[in-house]
Amino acid sequence: MDELAKAVLAIAGGIGAGKTTASLNLAVALGWRRTCYSDVVKDLASRRGLPVDRAVLQQIGAELVNAGWPAFTAAVLGAADWQRGQPLVVDGLRHVQGAYALQQAVAPLPMLLVF
């Protein structure tokens, strides 16, 4: 359990797979901060005054990805007010490139992927 106490858990899966439920339950049970890729996208849509529907969220998500995974990842970590070395639960990892960016951003902590 010591190793787990020094990790970032990334929850992946398809739409409706239960990522949010799992990440919320894990964060509460472990007493860790939690952040979510889709919350960052939804927040940006709201700040732009756009409807929070699937088409808009996919468009904004694509914009964030095209701007670069490091910046998108930094926004997701920033949404949790994450500090280097802190354990974290990350909800909604859905791209291999995102996994690599997250792994690099949280290093030297291990990033454990839960699918």
Protein backbone atom coordinates (compact mmCIF):
# COMPACT_ATOMS: atom_id res chain seq x y z
CA MET A 1 0.00 0.00 0.00
CA ASP A 2 2.97 2.33 0.52
CA GLU A 3 3.66 2.31 -3.22
CA LEU A 4 0.04 3.18 -3.99
CA ALA A 5 0.16 6.11 -1.56
CA LYS A 6 2.70 7.69 -3.88
CA ALA A 7 0.91 7.39 -7.21
CA VAL A 8 -1.48 8.98 -9.67
CA LEU A 9 -4.41 6.75 -10.60
CA ALA A 10 -5.82 7.46 -14.07
CA ILE A 11 -9.27 6.04 -14.78
CA ALA A 12 -9.98 5.15 -18.41
CA GLY A 13 -12.95 3.69 -20.23
CA GLY A 14 -15.67 4.38 -22.73
CA ILE A 15 -18.64 6.69 -22.39
CA GLY A 16 -20.93 5.41 -19.64
CA ALA A 17 -18.40 2.89 -18.32
CA GLY A 18 -18.53 4.25 -14.77
CA LYS A 19 -15.28 6.26 -14.76
CA THR A 20 -16.75 9.11 -12.75
CA THR A 21 -18.35 6.85 -10.15
CA ALA A 22 -15.14 4.86 -9.78
CA SER A 23 -12.94 7.96 -9.56
CA LEU A 24 -15.19 9.65 -7.00
CA ASN A 25 -15.33 6.54 -4.84
CA LEU A 26 -11.56 6.01 -5.06
CA ALA A 27 -10.79 9.64 -4.23
CA VAL A 28 -13.07 9.56 -1.18
CA ALA A 29 -11.82 6.17 0.03
CA LEU A 30 -8.17 7.16 -0.36
CA GLY A 31 -8.58 10.77 0.79
CA TRP A 32 -6.94 12.01 -2.43
CA ARG A 33 -7.67 14.96 -4.67
CA ARG A 34 -9.54 14.19 -7.88
CA THR A 35 -9.67 15.86 -11.25
CA CYS A 36 -11.43 15.11 -14.51
CA TYR A 37 -10.64 15.79 -18.15
CA SER A 38 -14.30 16.37 -19.02
CA ASP A 39 -14.73 18.88 -16.18
CA VAL A 40 -11.99 21.02 -17.75
CA VAL A 41 -13.74 20.81 -21.13
CA LYS A 42 -17.17 21.58 -19.62
CA ASP A 43 -15.77 24.53 -17.69
CA LEU A 44 -14.30 25.99 -20.87
CA ALA A 45 -17.63 25.55 -22.69
CA SER A 46 -19.45 27.34 -19.86
CA ARG A 47 -16.92 30.19 -19.81
CA ARG A 48 -17.47 30.60 -23.55
CA GLY A 49 -21.25 30.70 -23.02
CA LEU A 50 -21.74 27.54 -25.08
CA PRO A 51 -24.18 24.73 -24.38
CA VAL A 52 -22.69 21.78 -22.55
CA ASP A 53 -23.71 19.14 -25.06
CA ARG A 54 -21.76 16.30 -26.61
CA ALA A 55 -21.05 18.09 -29.93
CA VAL A 56 -19.70 21.21 -28.23
CA LEU A 57 -17.66 19.18 -25.75
CA GLN A 58 -16.13 17.10 -28.54
CA GLN A 59 -15.23 20.26 -30.46
CA ILE A 60 -13.59 21.89 -27.43
CA GLY A 61 -11.84 18.65 -26.52
CA ALA A 62 -10.41 18.48 -30.04
CA GLU A 63 -9.20 22.09 -29.73
CA LEU A 64 -7.44 21.28 -26.46
CA VAL A 65 -5.83 18.17 -27.92
CA ASN A 66 -4.71 20.07 -31.02
CA ALA A 67 -3.18 22.78 -28.81
CA GLY A 68 -1.02 20.05 -27.26
CA TRP A 69 -1.31 17.36 -24.64
CA PRO A 70 1.12 19.04 -22.21
CA ALA A 71 -1.09 22.14 -21.95
CA PHE A 72 -4.32 20.11 -21.70
CA THR A 73 -2.74 17.92 -19.02
CA ALA A 74 -1.51 20.96 -17.09
CA ALA A 75 -5.06 22.36 -17.12
CA VAL A 76 -6.45 19.08 -15.78
CA LEU A 77 -3.85 18.95 -13.00
CA GLY A 78 -4.39 22.64 -12.25
CA ALA A 79 -8.13 22.07 -11.85
CA ALA A 80 -7.30 19.89 -8.84
CA ASP A 81 -4.78 22.40 -7.50
CA TRP A 82 -2.36 19.48 -7.70
CA GLN A 83 1.16 19.90 -6.41
CA ARG A 84 4.08 17.77 -7.58
CA GLY A 85 4.43 14.65 -5.44
CA GLN A 86 0.81 14.54 -4.28
CA PRO A 87 -1.28 11.45 -5.00
CA LEU A 88 -4.21 12.08 -7.34
CA VAL A 89 -7.14 10.37 -9.02
CA VAL A 90 -7.64 11.47 -12.64
CA ASP A 91 -10.97 10.71 -14.29
CA GLY A 92 -11.56 10.38 -18.00
CA LEU A 93 -8.26 9.46 -19.61
CA ARG A 94 -9.27 8.38 -23.12
CA HIS A 95 -6.21 8.80 -25.36
CA VAL A 96 -2.83 7.09 -25.44
CA GLN A 97 -1.10 10.44 -26.03
CA GLY A 98 -2.89 11.81 -22.98
CA ALA A 99 -1.57 8.92 -20.92
CA TYR A 100 1.99 9.68 -21.99
CA ALA A 101 1.55 13.39 -21.23
CA LEU A 102 0.07 12.63 -17.81
CA GLN A 103 2.84 10.17 -17.03
CA GLN A 104 5.47 12.79 -17.88
CA ALA A 105 3.67 15.56 -15.98
CA VAL A 106 3.40 13.62 -12.71
CA ALA A 107 6.85 12.02 -12.80
CA PRO A 108 8.59 10.85 -10.72
CA LEU A 109 5.31 9.50 -9.27
CA PRO A 110 4.09 6.40 -11.06
CA MET A 111 0.95 6.82 -13.10
CA LEU A 112 -1.24 3.73 -12.78
CA LEU A 113 -3.89 3.21 -15.43
CA VAL A 114 -7.19 1.63 -14.39
CA PHE A 115 -9.39 0.53 -17.28
